[in-house]
């Protein structure tokens, strides 16, 4: 993440994780002097809820900022996700305001990411 601001958090895969994740992201963007977009909370909650539902013990959330956009990546750390890879996840992220998004299953778990435009 050279030449960009970034942060990462590890959270227990619990029902409260999406709210905690949003609080962390909102706080970090504020610390960086950036204004979060209106739909950011829904995007973060959807990302984290998706990987929490995979059934692992913890999840991680990564945030990077560059050129008035934020990249958010949630990772399940669970090799056998409880949910299939589903286009509905991506459709919902787009509805919530993601400029782009994607998901990938790896040997180490599911990655779900979204790029959101930050307020100027």
C-alpha atoms as a PDB file:
ATOM      1  CA  UNK A   1       0.000   0.000   0.000  1.00  0.00           C
ATOM      2  CA  UNK A   2       2.800   2.341  -0.864  1.00  0.00           C
ATOM      3  CA  UNK A   3       1.805   6.003  -1.187  1.00  0.00           C
ATOM      4  CA  UNK A   4      -1.657   5.539   0.301  1.00  0.00           C
ATOM      5  CA  UNK A   5      -3.185   5.562   3.749  1.00  0.00           C
ATOM      6  CA  UNK A   6      -4.244   2.197   5.105  1.00  0.00           C
ATOM      7  CA  UNK A   7      -5.487   0.387   8.187  1.00  0.00           C
ATOM      8  CA  UNK A   8      -6.579  -3.120   9.167  1.00  0.00           C
ATOM      9  CA  UNK A   9      -8.584  -4.634  11.998  1.00  0.00           C
ATOM     10  CA  UNK A  10      -9.141  -8.168  13.235  1.00  0.00           C
ATOM     11  CA  UNK A  11     -12.574  -8.827  14.731  1.00  0.00           C
ATOM     12  CA  UNK A  12     -14.252 -11.789  16.339  1.00  0.00           C
ATOM     13  CA  UNK A  13     -16.831 -13.273  13.958  1.00  0.00           C
ATOM     14  CA  UNK A  14     -19.756 -12.201  16.131  1.00  0.00           C
ATOM     15  CA  UNK A  15     -23.084 -10.475  15.371  1.00  0.00           C
ATOM     16  CA  UNK A  16     -21.681  -7.154  16.639  1.00  0.00           C
ATOM     17  CA  UNK A  17     -18.707  -7.228  14.221  1.00  0.00           C
ATOM     18  CA  UNK A  18     -20.384  -5.222  11.400  1.00  0.00           C
ATOM     19  CA  UNK A  19     -21.175  -2.325  13.744  1.00  0.00           C
ATOM     20  CA  UNK A  20     -17.698  -2.386  15.277  1.00  0.00           C
ATOM     21  CA  UNK A  21     -16.174  -2.478  11.782  1.00  0.00           C
ATOM     22  CA  UNK A  22     -18.136   0.577  10.683  1.00  0.00           C
ATOM     23  CA  UNK A  23     -17.137   2.497  13.808  1.00  0.00           C
ATOM     24  CA  UNK A  24     -13.471   1.707  13.122  1.00  0.00           C
ATOM     25  CA  UNK A  25     -13.676   2.729   9.446  1.00  0.00           C
ATOM     26  CA  UNK A  26     -15.610   5.931  10.178  1.00  0.00           C
ATOM     27  CA  UNK A  27     -13.164   6.867  12.917  1.00  0.00           C
ATOM     28  CA  UNK A  28     -10.139   6.251  10.725  1.00  0.00           C
ATOM     29  CA  UNK A  29     -11.526   8.257   7.799  1.00  0.00           C
ATOM     30  CA  UNK A  30     -12.256  11.100  10.197  1.00  0.00           C
ATOM     31  CA  UNK A  31      -8.728  10.873  11.603  1.00  0.00           C
ATOM     32  CA  UNK A  32      -7.417  11.151   8.043  1.00  0.00           C
ATOM     33  CA  UNK A  33      -9.559  14.274   7.522  1.00  0.00           C
ATOM     34  CA  UNK A  34     -11.887  12.578   5.044  1.00  0.00           C
ATOM     35  CA  UNK A  35     -15.667  12.782   4.900  1.00  0.00           C
ATOM     36  CA  UNK A  36     -17.396   9.451   4.602  1.00  0.00           C
ATOM     37  CA  UNK A  37     -20.098   8.970   1.971  1.00  0.00           C
ATOM     38  CA  UNK A  38     -23.702   8.547   3.087  1.00  0.00           C
ATOM     39  CA  UNK A  39     -23.919   4.842   2.158  1.00  0.00           C
ATOM     40  CA  UNK A  40     -20.630   3.794   3.742  1.00  0.00           C
ATOM     41  CA  UNK A  41     -22.191   2.233   6.829  1.00  0.00           C
ATOM     42  CA  UNK A  42     -24.399  -0.084   4.757  1.00  0.00           C
ATOM     43  CA  UNK A  43     -21.454  -1.144   2.572  1.00  0.00           C
ATOM     44  CA  UNK A  44     -19.206  -1.932   5.561  1.00  0.00           C
ATOM     45  CA  UNK A  45     -21.976  -3.809   7.347  1.00  0.00           C
ATOM     46  CA  UNK A  46     -22.744  -5.894   4.246  1.00  0.00           C
ATOM     47  CA  UNK A  47     -19.085  -6.768   3.659  1.00  0.00           C
ATOM     48  CA  UNK A  48     -18.490  -7.815   7.251  1.00  0.00           C
ATOM     49  CA  UNK A  49     -21.836  -9.625   7.642  1.00  0.00           C
ATOM     50  CA  UNK A  50     -21.029 -11.678   4.551  1.00  0.00           C
ATOM     51  CA  UNK A  51     -17.705 -12.943   5.894  1.00  0.00           C
ATOM     52  CA  UNK A  52     -18.994 -13.395   9.462  1.00  0.00           C
ATOM     53  CA  UNK A  53     -21.679 -15.716   8.046  1.00  0.00           C
ATOM     54  CA  UNK A  54     -18.937 -17.948   6.624  1.00  0.00           C
ATOM     55  CA  UNK A  55     -18.551 -19.483  10.071  1.00  0.00           C
ATOM     56  CA  UNK A  56     -14.953 -18.696  11.021  1.00  0.00           C
ATOM     57  CA  UNK A  57     -13.728 -17.563  14.436  1.00  0.00           C
ATOM     58  CA  UNK A  58     -12.513 -14.150  13.300  1.00  0.00           C
ATOM     59  CA  UNK A  59     -12.637 -11.825  10.313  1.00  0.00           C
ATOM     60  CA  UNK A  60     -10.391  -9.033   9.159  1.00  0.00           C
ATOM     61  CA  UNK A  61     -11.213  -5.731   7.557  1.00  0.00           C
ATOM     62  CA  UNK A  62      -8.739  -3.707   5.531  1.00  0.00           C
ATOM     63  CA  UNK A  63      -9.108  -0.071   4.485  1.00  0.00           C
ATOM     64  CA  UNK A  64      -7.018   1.877   1.997  1.00  0.00           C
ATOM     65  CA  UNK A  65      -7.585   5.381   0.661  1.00  0.00           C
ATOM     66  CA  UNK A  66      -6.337   6.871  -2.560  1.00  0.00           C
ATOM     67  CA  UNK A  67      -7.559   9.510  -5.009  1.00  0.00           C
ATOM     68  CA  UNK A  68     -10.830  10.252  -3.191  1.00  0.00           C
ATOM     69  CA  UNK A  69     -11.801   6.584  -2.990  1.00  0.00           C
ATOM     70  CA  UNK A  70     -11.724   4.019  -0.206  1.00  0.00           C
ATOM     71  CA  UNK A  71     -11.053   0.331  -0.761  1.00  0.00           C
ATOM     72  CA  UNK A  72     -12.626  -1.931   1.852  1.00  0.00           C
ATOM     73  CA  UNK A  73     -11.767  -5.623   1.953  1.00  0.00           C
ATOM     74  CA  UNK A  74     -13.308  -8.114   4.370  1.00  0.00           C
ATOM     75  CA  UNK A  75     -11.741 -11.554   4.793  1.00  0.00           C
ATOM     76  CA  UNK A  76     -13.341 -14.562   6.490  1.00  0.00           C
ATOM     77  CA  UNK A  77     -10.241 -16.622   7.388  1.00  0.00           C
ATOM     78  CA  UNK A  78     -12.437 -19.719   7.010  1.00  0.00           C
ATOM     79  CA  UNK A  79     -11.487 -22.111   4.213  1.00  0.00           C
ATOM     80  CA  UNK A  80     -14.989 -23.538   3.799  1.00  0.00           C
ATOM     81  CA  UNK A  81     -17.495 -20.670   3.679  1.00  0.00           C
ATOM     82  CA  UNK A  82     -21.011 -21.482   4.846  1.00  0.00           C
ATOM     83  CA  UNK A  83     -22.446 -19.486   1.939  1.00  0.00           C
ATOM     84  CA  UNK A  84     -21.791 -20.178  -1.735  1.00  0.00           C
ATOM     85  CA  UNK A  85     -20.115 -17.518  -3.831  1.00  0.00           C
ATOM     86  CA  UNK A  86     -23.146 -15.548  -4.876  1.00  0.00           C
ATOM     87  CA  UNK A  87     -23.724 -12.689  -7.311  1.00  0.00           C
ATOM     88  CA  UNK A  88     -26.386 -11.338  -4.917  1.00  0.00           C
ATOM     89  CA  UNK A  89     -23.562 -10.188  -2.634  1.00  0.00           C
ATOM     90  CA  UNK A  90     -22.110  -8.044  -5.410  1.00  0.00           C
ATOM     91  CA  UNK A  91     -25.499  -6.820  -6.632  1.00  0.00           C
ATOM     92  CA  UNK A  92     -26.294  -5.638  -3.112  1.00  0.00           C
ATOM     93  CA  UNK A  93     -22.937  -3.848  -2.771  1.00  0.00           C
ATOM     94  CA  UNK A  94     -23.614  -1.998  -6.027  1.00  0.00           C
ATOM     95  CA  UNK A  95     -27.103  -1.046  -4.797  1.00  0.00           C
ATOM     96  CA  UNK A  96     -25.526   0.315  -1.619  1.00  0.00           C
ATOM     97  CA  UNK A  97     -23.227   2.595  -3.623  1.00  0.00           C
ATOM     98  CA  UNK A  98     -20.029   0.661  -4.333  1.00  0.00           C
ATOM     99  CA  UNK A  99     -18.258   2.073  -7.395  1.00  0.00           C
ATOM    100  CA  UNK A 100     -16.815  -1.407  -7.955  1.00  0.00           C
ATOM    101  CA  UNK A 101     -16.725  -4.638  -5.973  1.00  0.00           C
ATOM    102  CA  UNK A 102     -15.704  -8.266  -6.110  1.00  0.00           C
ATOM    103  CA  UNK A 103     -15.429 -11.509  -4.225  1.00  0.00           C
ATOM    104  CA  UNK A 104     -12.998 -14.396  -4.334  1.00  0.00           C
ATOM    105  CA  UNK A 105     -12.740 -17.745  -2.586  1.00  0.00           C
ATOM    106  CA  UNK A 106      -9.213 -18.717  -1.610  1.00  0.00           C
ATOM    107  CA  UNK A 107      -7.749 -21.648   0.298  1.00  0.00           C
ATOM    108  CA  UNK A 108      -7.673 -19.365   3.356  1.00  0.00           C
ATOM    109  CA  UNK A 109     -11.204 -17.982   3.115  1.00  0.00           C
ATOM    110  CA  UNK A 110     -13.491 -15.614   1.281  1.00  0.00           C
ATOM    111  CA  UNK A 111     -12.474 -12.082   0.323  1.00  0.00           C
ATOM    112  CA  UNK A 112     -15.188  -9.538  -0.412  1.00  0.00           C
ATOM    113  CA  UNK A 113     -14.193  -6.032  -1.412  1.00  0.00           C
ATOM    114  CA  UNK A 114     -15.767  -2.751  -2.443  1.00  0.00           C
ATOM    115  CA  UNK A 115     -14.489   0.599  -3.638  1.00  0.00           C
ATOM    116  CA  UNK A 116     -16.522   3.628  -2.578  1.00  0.00           C
ATOM    117  CA  UNK A 117     -16.182   7.241  -3.654  1.00  0.00           C
ATOM    118  CA  UNK A 118     -15.430   9.545  -0.730  1.00  0.00           C
ATOM    119  CA  UNK A 119     -17.156  12.882  -0.246  1.00  0.00           C
ATOM    120  CA  UNK A 120     -15.150  15.830  -1.545  1.00  0.00           C
END
